[in-house]
Amino acid sequence: MSFGPDDPYDDRERRPRSRYDPRFDDARWGDYRDDYDDEPLQTDPREKVRLPATILLIVSITGLVLTVTGLALAGVAGFLNPPPRPEIIVNVIFGALIGTIALAYFSIMAFGAARMRQCRSYGISMAAVIMAISSIAILGLCGFFIVPFGVWGLVIIVQADVKREFDRRRKSYE
């Protein structure tokens, strides 16, 4: 098979060679000169926020379930086998205190993620994202899995169109 001027599939001769070629504005090839001002594909800000918010919600609900399960198991184990030494009692009290803080932490994060998913309450949504990012400092290595979703949520939530959507939704509820 040879390519030449009589080949119907050969368009090398018809293709513009540079932007100064008169065939450059050919409708078949489009007008490449004005691509700088074409609107990129715009996505709905609510769609941008939905996936990271849903993942943060799932992660925070999973944290809530695991915390409640751990507290329940520790309570049952402490009730069935009472600790014989006083330092173990201090450990149980300390564990209950940490568990209560984790419950509050994951509850706030779940509430903020739910609000973020609805594009409501920008401050609470931002708090949830920051809590997800700082979870590695608070929860240790367990928080390592939450941090990427918090960073992703932060990148999305600080975009101008997403902020406008939060503001628009806030004004529609007033």
N, C-alpha and C. Protein backbone atom coordinates (compact mmCIF):
# COMPACT_ATOMS: atom_id res chain seq x y z
N MET A 1 0.85 -1.16 0.00
CA MET A 1 0.00 0.00 0.00
C MET A 1 0.89 1.23 0.00
N SER A 2 0.65 2.10 -0.90
CA SER A 2 1.46 3.31 -0.97
C SER A 2 0.57 4.51 -0.73
N PHE A 3 1.18 5.48 -0.09
CA PHE A 3 0.46 6.72 0.14
C PHE A 3 0.86 7.72 -0.92
N GLY A 4 -0.08 8.36 -1.45
CA GLY A 4 0.20 9.34 -2.48
C GLY A 4 -0.97 10.29 -2.63
N PRO A 5 -0.92 11.20 -3.57
CA PRO A 5 -1.99 12.17 -3.73
C PRO A 5 -3.32 11.55 -4.13
N ASP A 6 -3.30 10.38 -4.77
CA ASP A 6 -4.55 9.76 -5.19
C ASP A 6 -5.13 8.81 -4.14
N ASP A 7 -4.44 8.60 -3.04
CA ASP A 7 -4.93 7.70 -1.99
C ASP A 7 -6.01 8.43 -1.18
N PRO A 8 -7.23 7.85 -1.09
CA PRO A 8 -8.31 8.55 -0.37
C PRO A 8 -8.05 8.65 1.13
N TYR A 9 -7.18 7.82 1.68
CA TYR A 9 -6.94 7.84 3.12
C TYR A 9 -5.72 8.69 3.50
N ASP A 10 -5.06 9.23 2.53
CA ASP A 10 -3.88 10.04 2.80
C ASP A 10 -4.30 11.50 2.88
N ASP A 11 -4.18 12.09 4.04
CA ASP A 11 -4.55 13.49 4.19
C ASP A 11 -3.33 14.35 4.50
N ARG A 12 -2.14 13.84 4.23
CA ARG A 12 -0.94 14.61 4.53
C ARG A 12 -0.88 15.89 3.72
N GLU A 13 -1.40 15.88 2.53
CA GLU A 13 -1.34 17.07 1.69
C GLU A 13 -2.36 18.11 2.14
N ARG A 14 -3.47 17.64 2.68
CA ARG A 14 -4.52 18.58 3.07
C ARG A 14 -4.30 19.14 4.47
N ARG A 15 -3.47 18.51 5.27
CA ARG A 15 -3.26 18.93 6.64
C ARG A 15 -2.44 20.22 6.68
N PRO A 16 -2.84 21.20 7.49
CA PRO A 16 -2.06 22.43 7.57
C PRO A 16 -0.70 22.16 8.20
N ARG A 17 0.32 22.79 7.66
CA ARG A 17 1.67 22.55 8.15
C ARG A 17 2.04 23.49 9.30
N SER A 18 1.48 24.66 9.34
CA SER A 18 1.77 25.60 10.41
C SER A 18 0.56 26.50 10.60
N ARG A 19 0.65 27.33 11.58
CA ARG A 19 -0.49 28.21 11.81
C ARG A 19 -0.58 29.31 10.76
N TYR A 20 0.46 29.51 10.00
CA TYR A 20 0.44 30.52 8.96
C TYR A 20 -0.05 29.97 7.62
N ASP A 21 -0.27 28.69 7.56
CA ASP A 21 -0.79 28.04 6.36
C ASP A 21 -2.24 28.48 6.16
N PRO A 22 -2.65 28.87 4.93
CA PRO A 22 -4.03 29.31 4.72
C PRO A 22 -5.05 28.22 5.01
N ARG A 23 -4.64 26.97 4.95
CA ARG A 23 -5.59 25.89 5.25
C ARG A 23 -5.76 25.67 6.74
N PHE A 24 -5.11 26.46 7.54
CA PHE A 24 -5.15 26.29 8.99
C PHE A 24 -6.55 26.47 9.54
N ASP A 25 -7.32 27.37 8.97
CA ASP A 25 -8.67 27.65 9.45
C ASP A 25 -9.71 26.72 8.83
N ASP A 26 -9.27 25.68 8.21
CA ASP A 26 -10.17 24.73 7.59
C ASP A 26 -11.13 24.18 8.66
N ALA A 27 -12.40 24.12 8.31
CA ALA A 27 -13.40 23.67 9.28
C ALA A 27 -13.16 22.22 9.69
N ARG A 28 -12.56 21.46 8.80
CA ARG A 28 -12.31 20.05 9.12
C ARG A 28 -11.33 19.92 10.28
N TRP A 29 -10.37 20.83 10.36
CA TRP A 29 -9.35 20.76 11.39
C TRP A 29 -9.65 21.67 12.56
N GLY A 30 -10.65 22.50 12.44
CA GLY A 30 -11.00 23.41 13.52
C GLY A 30 -10.08 24.62 13.54
N ASP A 31 -10.45 25.56 14.32
CA ASP A 31 -9.65 26.77 14.45
C ASP A 31 -8.80 26.63 15.70
N TYR A 32 -7.52 26.32 15.50
CA TYR A 32 -6.64 26.06 16.64
C TYR A 32 -6.14 27.34 17.28
N ARG A 33 -6.31 28.47 16.62
CA ARG A 33 -5.75 29.71 17.14
C ARG A 33 -6.47 30.21 18.38
N ASP A 34 -7.73 29.90 18.53
CA ASP A 34 -8.46 30.46 19.66
C ASP A 34 -8.68 29.46 20.78
N ASP A 35 -7.85 28.42 20.84
CA ASP A 35 -8.05 27.43 21.89
C ASP A 35 -7.73 27.96 23.27
N TYR A 36 -6.96 29.03 23.35
CA TYR A 36 -6.59 29.54 24.67
C TYR A 36 -7.79 30.08 25.43
N ASP A 37 -8.83 30.52 24.74
CA ASP A 37 -9.96 31.08 25.45
C ASP A 37 -11.17 30.15 25.48
N ASP A 38 -11.02 28.96 24.97
CA ASP A 38 -12.12 28.01 25.05
C ASP A 38 -12.31 27.60 26.50
N GLU A 39 -13.55 27.45 26.89
CA GLU A 39 -13.84 27.00 28.25
C GLU A 39 -13.47 25.54 28.40
N PRO A 40 -12.71 25.20 29.42
CA PRO A 40 -12.45 23.77 29.65
C PRO A 40 -13.73 23.11 30.12
N LEU A 41 -13.74 21.81 30.13
CA LEU A 41 -14.92 21.11 30.60
C LEU A 41 -15.15 21.44 32.06
N GLN A 42 -16.23 22.13 32.32
CA GLN A 42 -16.54 22.53 33.68
C GLN A 42 -17.38 21.44 34.34
N THR A 43 -17.02 21.09 35.54
CA THR A 43 -17.82 20.14 36.29
C THR A 43 -18.55 20.88 37.39
N ASP A 44 -19.65 20.34 37.79
CA ASP A 44 -20.44 20.92 38.84
C ASP A 44 -19.64 20.85 40.15
N PRO A 45 -19.56 21.94 40.90
CA PRO A 45 -18.80 21.90 42.15
C PRO A 45 -19.32 20.85 43.13
N ARG A 46 -20.61 20.60 43.09
CA ARG A 46 -21.15 19.56 43.98
C ARG A 46 -20.62 18.18 43.60
N GLU A 47 -20.37 17.97 42.30
CA GLU A 47 -19.80 16.69 41.87
C GLU A 47 -18.33 16.58 42.26
N LYS A 48 -17.62 17.71 42.26
CA LYS A 48 -16.22 17.69 42.68
C LYS A 48 -16.10 17.29 44.14
N VAL A 49 -17.01 17.77 44.96
CA VAL A 49 -16.94 17.58 46.40
C VAL A 49 -17.48 16.21 46.81
N ARG A 50 -18.38 15.66 46.03
CA ARG A 50 -19.11 14.47 46.46
C ARG A 50 -18.22 13.27 46.78
N LEU A 51 -17.28 12.92 45.93
CA LEU A 51 -16.46 11.72 46.16
C LEU A 51 -15.53 11.85 47.36
N PRO A 52 -14.73 12.94 47.49
CA PRO A 52 -13.90 13.02 48.69
C PRO A 52 -14.71 13.11 49.97
N ALA A 53 -15.86 13.79 49.91
CA ALA A 53 -16.70 13.89 51.10
C ALA A 53 -17.29 12.53 51.47
N THR A 54 -17.69 11.76 50.47
CA THR A 54 -18.24 10.43 50.75
C THR A 54 -17.17 9.52 51.35
N ILE A 55 -15.96 9.59 50.81
CA ILE A 55 -14.89 8.75 51.36
C ILE A 55 -14.56 9.18 52.78
N LEU A 56 -14.51 10.50 53.05
CA LEU A 56 -14.27 10.95 54.42
C LEU A 56 -15.39 10.51 55.35
N LEU A 57 -16.61 10.53 54.86
CA LEU A 57 -17.73 10.08 55.66
C LEU A 57 -17.61 8.59 55.99
N ILE A 58 -17.25 7.80 55.00
CA ILE A 58 -17.08 6.36 55.22
C ILE A 58 -15.94 6.09 56.21
N VAL A 59 -14.84 6.81 56.05
CA VAL A 59 -13.69 6.63 56.95
C VAL A 59 -14.05 7.02 58.38
N SER A 60 -14.76 8.13 58.54
CA SER A 60 -15.11 8.57 59.89
C SER A 60 -16.16 7.66 60.53
N ILE A 61 -17.10 7.16 59.76
CA ILE A 61 -18.07 6.22 60.32
C ILE A 61 -17.38 4.92 60.69
N THR A 62 -16.42 4.49 59.87
CA THR A 62 -15.63 3.30 60.22
C THR A 62 -14.85 3.53 61.51
N GLY A 63 -14.28 4.71 61.67
CA GLY A 63 -13.59 5.05 62.91
C GLY A 63 -14.52 5.04 64.10
N LEU A 64 -15.75 5.56 63.91
CA LEU A 64 -16.74 5.52 64.98
C LEU A 64 -17.09 4.09 65.38
N VAL A 65 -17.33 3.25 64.38
CA VAL A 65 -17.70 1.86 64.66
C VAL A 65 -16.56 1.13 65.37
N LEU A 66 -15.34 1.33 64.90
CA LEU A 66 -14.20 0.67 65.54
C LEU A 66 -13.97 1.18 66.96
N THR A 67 -14.18 2.46 67.19
CA THR A 67 -14.02 3.01 68.54
C THR A 67 -15.08 2.45 69.48
N VAL A 68 -16.32 2.44 69.02
CA VAL A 68 -17.40 1.90 69.86
C VAL A 68 -17.16 0.42 70.13
N THR A 69 -16.73 -0.31 69.12
CA THR A 69 -16.44 -1.74 69.30
C THR A 69 -15.31 -1.94 70.30
N GLY A 70 -14.25 -1.16 70.18
CA GLY A 70 -13.13 -1.27 71.12
C GLY A 70 -13.52 -0.93 72.53
N LEU A 71 -14.32 0.13 72.70
CA LEU A 71 -14.78 0.49 74.03
C LEU A 71 -15.70 -0.58 74.62
N ALA A 72 -16.57 -1.15 73.78
CA ALA A 72 -17.47 -2.20 74.26
C ALA A 72 -16.69 -3.44 74.66
N LEU A 73 -15.73 -3.83 73.85
CA LEU A 73 -14.93 -5.01 74.19
C LEU A 73 -14.10 -4.78 75.44
N ALA A 74 -13.55 -3.59 75.60
CA ALA A 74 -12.78 -3.29 76.82
C ALA A 74 -13.69 -3.26 78.04
N GLY A 75 -14.90 -2.74 77.87
CA GLY A 75 -15.84 -2.72 78.99
C GLY A 75 -16.28 -4.11 79.39
N VAL A 76 -16.57 -4.94 78.39
CA VAL A 76 -16.98 -6.32 78.68
C VAL A 76 -15.83 -7.08 79.33
N ALA A 77 -14.64 -6.92 78.80
CA ALA A 77 -13.48 -7.62 79.37
C ALA A 77 -13.21 -7.12 80.78
N GLY A 78 -13.35 -5.84 81.03
CA GLY A 78 -13.15 -5.30 82.38
C GLY A 78 -14.23 -5.74 83.34
N PHE A 79 -15.44 -5.93 82.84
CA PHE A 79 -16.54 -6.36 83.70
C PHE A 79 -16.41 -7.85 84.03
N LEU A 80 -16.03 -8.65 83.03
CA LEU A 80 -15.91 -10.09 83.27
C LEU A 80 -14.68 -10.44 84.10
N ASN A 81 -13.60 -9.75 83.88
CA ASN A 81 -12.35 -9.99 84.62
C ASN A 81 -11.92 -8.69 85.28
N PRO A 82 -12.40 -8.41 86.48
CA PRO A 82 -12.03 -7.14 87.11
C PRO A 82 -10.51 -7.09 87.35
N PRO A 83 -9.92 -5.94 87.09
CA PRO A 83 -8.46 -5.82 87.25
C PRO A 83 -8.07 -5.92 88.72
N PRO A 84 -7.06 -6.73 89.01
CA PRO A 84 -6.67 -6.90 90.40
C PRO A 84 -5.76 -5.79 90.92
N ARG A 85 -5.06 -5.12 90.06
CA ARG A 85 -4.11 -4.12 90.52
C ARG A 85 -4.60 -2.72 90.22
N PRO A 86 -4.25 -1.74 91.07
CA PRO A 86 -4.75 -0.37 90.87
C PRO A 86 -4.22 0.29 89.58
N GLU A 87 -3.01 -0.06 89.12
CA GLU A 87 -2.50 0.58 87.90
C GLU A 87 -3.28 0.15 86.67
N ILE A 88 -3.87 -1.03 86.71
CA ILE A 88 -4.70 -1.47 85.59
C ILE A 88 -5.99 -0.66 85.55
N ILE A 89 -6.50 -0.30 86.72
CA ILE A 89 -7.70 0.53 86.77
C ILE A 89 -7.41 1.89 86.13
N VAL A 90 -6.23 2.44 86.39
CA VAL A 90 -5.84 3.71 85.77
C VAL A 90 -5.77 3.55 84.26
N ASN A 91 -5.25 2.43 83.79
CA ASN A 91 -5.19 2.18 82.35
C ASN A 91 -6.58 2.09 81.73
N VAL A 92 -7.50 1.47 82.42
CA VAL A 92 -8.88 1.36 81.92
C VAL A 92 -9.52 2.74 81.85
N ILE A 93 -9.32 3.56 82.87
CA ILE A 93 -9.87 4.92 82.88
C ILE A 93 -9.24 5.75 81.76
N PHE A 94 -7.93 5.62 81.60
CA PHE A 94 -7.24 6.34 80.53
C PHE A 94 -7.74 5.88 79.15
N GLY A 95 -7.94 4.59 78.97
CA GLY A 95 -8.46 4.06 77.71
C GLY A 95 -9.87 4.56 77.43
N ALA A 96 -10.70 4.64 78.47
CA ALA A 96 -12.06 5.15 78.30
C ALA A 96 -12.04 6.63 77.92
N LEU A 97 -11.11 7.38 78.51
CA LEU A 97 -10.99 8.79 78.18
C LEU A 97 -10.54 8.98 76.72
N ILE A 98 -9.55 8.22 76.31
CA ILE A 98 -9.08 8.29 74.92
C ILE A 98 -10.18 7.85 73.96
N GLY A 99 -10.93 6.82 74.32
CA GLY A 99 -12.04 6.36 73.49
C GLY A 99 -13.12 7.41 73.34
N THR A 100 -13.40 8.13 74.42
CA THR A 100 -14.41 9.19 74.36
C THR A 100 -13.93 10.33 73.46
N ILE A 101 -12.66 10.67 73.55
CA ILE A 101 -12.10 11.71 72.67
C ILE A 101 -12.17 11.26 71.22
N ALA A 102 -11.86 9.99 70.95
CA ALA A 102 -11.93 9.46 69.58
C ALA A 102 -13.37 9.48 69.07
N LEU A 103 -14.33 9.17 69.95
CA LEU A 103 -15.74 9.24 69.54
C LEU A 103 -16.11 10.66 69.12
N ALA A 104 -15.72 11.64 69.92
CA ALA A 104 -16.02 13.04 69.58
C ALA A 104 -15.31 13.44 68.28
N TYR A 105 -14.06 13.01 68.14
CA TYR A 105 -13.26 13.34 66.96
C TYR A 105 -13.92 12.80 65.69
N PHE A 106 -14.26 11.52 65.70
CA PHE A 106 -14.87 10.92 64.51
C PHE A 106 -16.29 11.42 64.27
N SER A 107 -17.00 11.78 65.35
CA SER A 107 -18.35 12.33 65.17
C SER A 107 -18.30 13.68 64.47
N ILE A 108 -17.38 14.54 64.90
CA ILE A 108 -17.25 15.85 64.25
C ILE A 108 -16.80 15.67 62.80
N MET A 109 -15.88 14.75 62.58
CA MET A 109 -15.41 14.51 61.22
C MET A 109 -16.54 13.97 60.33
N ALA A 110 -17.37 13.08 60.86
CA ALA A 110 -18.49 12.54 60.08
C ALA A 110 -19.51 13.63 59.78
N PHE A 111 -19.80 14.47 60.77
CA PHE A 111 -20.75 15.55 60.56
C PHE A 111 -20.24 16.53 59.51
N GLY A 112 -18.95 16.89 59.60
CA GLY A 112 -18.36 17.80 58.62
C GLY A 112 -18.33 17.21 57.23
N ALA A 113 -18.05 15.90 57.12
CA ALA A 113 -18.03 15.26 55.81
C ALA A 113 -19.44 15.21 55.21
N ALA A 114 -20.44 14.98 56.06
CA ALA A 114 -21.82 14.97 55.56
C ALA A 114 -22.23 16.37 55.08
N ARG A 115 -21.81 17.40 55.81
CA ARG A 115 -22.10 18.76 55.38
C ARG A 115 -21.33 19.12 54.11
N MET A 116 -20.11 18.63 54.01
CA MET A 116 -19.31 18.88 52.81
C MET A 116 -19.97 18.23 51.61
N ARG A 117 -20.52 17.07 51.80
CA ARG A 117 -21.19 16.36 50.70
C ARG A 117 -22.41 17.13 50.20
N GLN A 118 -23.04 17.87 51.11
CA GLN A 118 -24.22 18.67 50.75
C GLN A 118 -23.85 20.09 50.31
N CYS A 119 -22.55 20.43 50.37
CA CYS A 119 -22.06 21.79 50.10
C CYS A 119 -22.70 22.81 51.04
N ARG A 120 -22.74 22.45 52.29
CA ARG A 120 -23.25 23.34 53.33
C ARG A 120 -22.22 23.44 54.44
N SER A 121 -22.24 24.52 55.17
CA SER A 121 -21.38 24.75 56.34
C SER A 121 -19.90 24.62 55.98
N TYR A 122 -19.40 25.63 55.31
CA TYR A 122 -18.02 25.62 54.84
C TYR A 122 -17.04 25.48 56.00
N GLY A 123 -17.29 26.14 57.10
CA GLY A 123 -16.38 26.09 58.24
C GLY A 123 -16.30 24.69 58.85
N ILE A 124 -17.43 24.05 59.01
CA ILE A 124 -17.44 22.70 59.57
C ILE A 124 -16.81 21.71 58.59
N SER A 125 -17.06 21.92 57.31
CA SER A 125 -16.45 21.06 56.29
C SER A 125 -14.93 21.22 56.29
N MET A 126 -14.47 22.45 56.41
CA MET A 126 -13.04 22.70 56.47
C MET A 126 -12.45 22.08 57.75
N ALA A 127 -13.17 22.16 58.85
CA ALA A 127 -12.70 21.55 60.10
C ALA A 127 -12.57 20.03 59.94
N ALA A 128 -13.52 19.41 59.26
CA ALA A 128 -13.47 17.96 59.04
C ALA A 128 -12.26 17.58 58.19
N VAL A 129 -11.98 18.37 57.18
CA VAL A 129 -10.83 18.09 56.31
C VAL A 129 -9.52 18.27 57.09
N ILE A 130 -9.44 19.32 57.87
CA ILE A 130 -8.23 19.55 58.67
C ILE A 130 -8.07 18.47 59.73
N MET A 131 -9.17 18.02 60.31
CA MET A 131 -9.10 16.92 61.28
C MET A 131 -8.61 15.64 60.61
N ALA A 132 -9.04 15.42 59.38
CA ALA A 132 -8.58 14.23 58.66
C ALA A 132 -7.09 14.32 58.37
N ILE A 133 -6.61 15.51 58.05
CA ILE A 133 -5.18 15.68 57.78
C ILE A 133 -4.37 15.53 59.06
N SER A 134 -4.88 16.07 60.15
CA SER A 134 -4.13 16.01 61.41
C SER A 134 -4.34 14.69 62.16
N SER A 135 -5.07 13.78 61.58
CA SER A 135 -5.34 12.52 62.28
C SER A 135 -4.09 11.70 62.52
N ILE A 136 -3.08 11.88 61.71
CA ILE A 136 -1.84 11.11 61.91
C ILE A 136 -1.16 11.55 63.20
N ALA A 137 -1.28 12.81 63.56
CA ALA A 137 -0.69 13.30 64.80
C ALA A 137 -1.51 12.86 66.01
N ILE A 138 -2.80 12.72 65.84
CA ILE A 138 -3.67 12.37 66.96
C ILE A 138 -3.83 10.87 67.10
N LEU A 139 -4.05 10.19 65.98
CA LEU A 139 -4.32 8.76 66.03
C LEU A 139 -3.10 7.89 65.77
N GLY A 140 -2.00 8.47 65.41
CA GLY A 140 -0.79 7.69 65.14
C GLY A 140 -0.86 7.04 63.77
N LEU A 141 -0.32 5.86 63.65
CA LEU A 141 -0.26 5.18 62.36
C LEU A 141 -1.63 4.82 61.81
N CYS A 142 -2.62 4.70 62.67
CA CYS A 142 -3.98 4.43 62.18
C CYS A 142 -4.50 5.60 61.34
N GLY A 143 -4.07 6.81 61.67
CA GLY A 143 -4.49 7.98 60.92
C GLY A 143 -3.79 8.13 59.59
N PHE A 144 -2.77 7.32 59.35
CA PHE A 144 -2.01 7.40 58.09
C PHE A 144 -2.91 7.14 56.89
N PHE A 145 -3.93 6.32 57.05
CA PHE A 145 -4.82 5.99 55.94
C PHE A 145 -5.85 7.08 55.68
N ILE A 146 -6.04 7.96 56.64
CA ILE A 146 -7.04 9.02 56.50
C ILE A 146 -6.45 10.26 55.83
N VAL A 147 -5.17 10.49 56.01
CA VAL A 147 -4.52 11.73 55.55
C VAL A 147 -4.69 11.98 54.05
N PRO A 148 -4.49 11.00 53.16
CA PRO A 148 -4.65 11.32 51.72
C PRO A 148 -6.05 11.81 51.37
N PHE A 149 -7.06 11.28 52.03
CA PHE A 149 -8.42 11.71 51.74
C PHE A 149 -8.66 13.12 52.28
N GLY A 150 -8.03 13.45 53.38
CA GLY A 150 -8.12 14.81 53.91
C GLY A 150 -7.44 15.81 53.00
N VAL A 151 -6.28 15.45 52.47
CA VAL A 151 -5.57 16.34 51.55
C VAL A 151 -6.39 16.52 50.27
N TRP A 152 -6.94 15.43 49.76
CA TRP A 152 -7.78 15.50 48.57
C TRP A 152 -8.98 16.41 48.82
N GLY A 153 -9.63 16.24 49.96
CA GLY A 153 -10.77 17.10 50.30
C GLY A 153 -10.37 18.55 50.42
N LEU A 154 -9.19 18.81 51.00
CA LEU A 154 -8.73 20.19 51.15
C LEU A 154 -8.45 20.83 49.79
N VAL A 155 -7.84 20.07 48.88
CA VAL A 155 -7.56 20.59 47.54
C VAL A 155 -8.86 20.95 46.83
N ILE A 156 -9.88 20.15 47.00
CA ILE A 156 -11.17 20.42 46.35
C ILE A 156 -11.91 21.57 47.02
N ILE A 157 -11.89 21.60 48.34
CA ILE A 157 -12.75 22.55 49.06
C ILE A 157 -12.24 23.99 48.97
N VAL A 158 -10.96 24.20 48.68
CA VAL A 158 -10.44 25.57 48.60
C VAL A 158 -10.56 26.16 47.20
N GLN A 159 -11.06 25.41 46.23
CA GLN A 159 -11.23 25.95 44.89
C GLN A 159 -12.32 27.01 44.88
N ALA A 160 -12.15 27.99 44.02
CA ALA A 160 -13.05 29.16 44.02
C ALA A 160 -14.49 28.77 43.68
N ASP A 161 -14.69 27.90 42.71
CA ASP A 161 -16.06 27.55 42.34
C ASP A 161 -16.74 26.75 43.44
N VAL A 162 -15.99 25.95 44.18
CA VAL A 162 -16.57 25.20 45.29
C VAL A 162 -16.94 26.15 46.42
N LYS A 163 -16.09 27.13 46.69
CA LYS A 163 -16.42 28.13 47.71
C LYS A 163 -17.69 28.89 47.35
N ARG A 164 -17.79 29.25 46.05
CA ARG A 164 -19.01 29.95 45.60
C ARG A 164 -20.25 29.08 45.78
N GLU A 165 -20.11 27.78 45.53
CA GLU A 165 -21.25 26.88 45.71
C GLU A 165 -21.65 26.78 47.18
N PHE A 166 -20.68 26.72 48.08
CA PHE A 166 -20.98 26.73 49.51
C PHE A 166 -21.70 28.02 49.89
N ASP A 167 -21.20 29.14 49.36
CA ASP A 167 -21.81 30.43 49.66
C ASP A 167 -23.21 30.53 49.08
N ARG A 168 -23.38 30.03 47.87
CA ARG A 168 -24.71 30.05 47.24
C ARG A 168 -25.70 29.21 48.03
N ARG A 169 -25.25 28.04 48.46
CA ARG A 169 -26.14 27.16 49.22
C ARG A 169 -26.47 27.76 50.58
N ARG A 170 -25.49 28.48 51.18
CA ARG A 170 -25.74 29.11 52.47
C ARG A 170 -26.79 30.20 52.32
N LYS A 171 -26.68 30.99 51.26
CA LYS A 171 -27.64 32.07 51.04
C LYS A 171 -29.03 31.53 50.70
N SER A 172 -29.09 30.37 50.07
CA SER A 172 -30.42 29.83 49.72
C SER A 172 -31.14 29.30 50.95
N TYR A 173 -30.41 28.98 52.02
CA TYR A 173 -31.06 28.49 53.24
C TYR A 173 -31.40 29.60 54.21
N GLU A 174 -30.93 30.82 53.93
CA GLU A 174 -31.23 31.94 54.83
C GLU A 174 -32.60 32.50 54.56
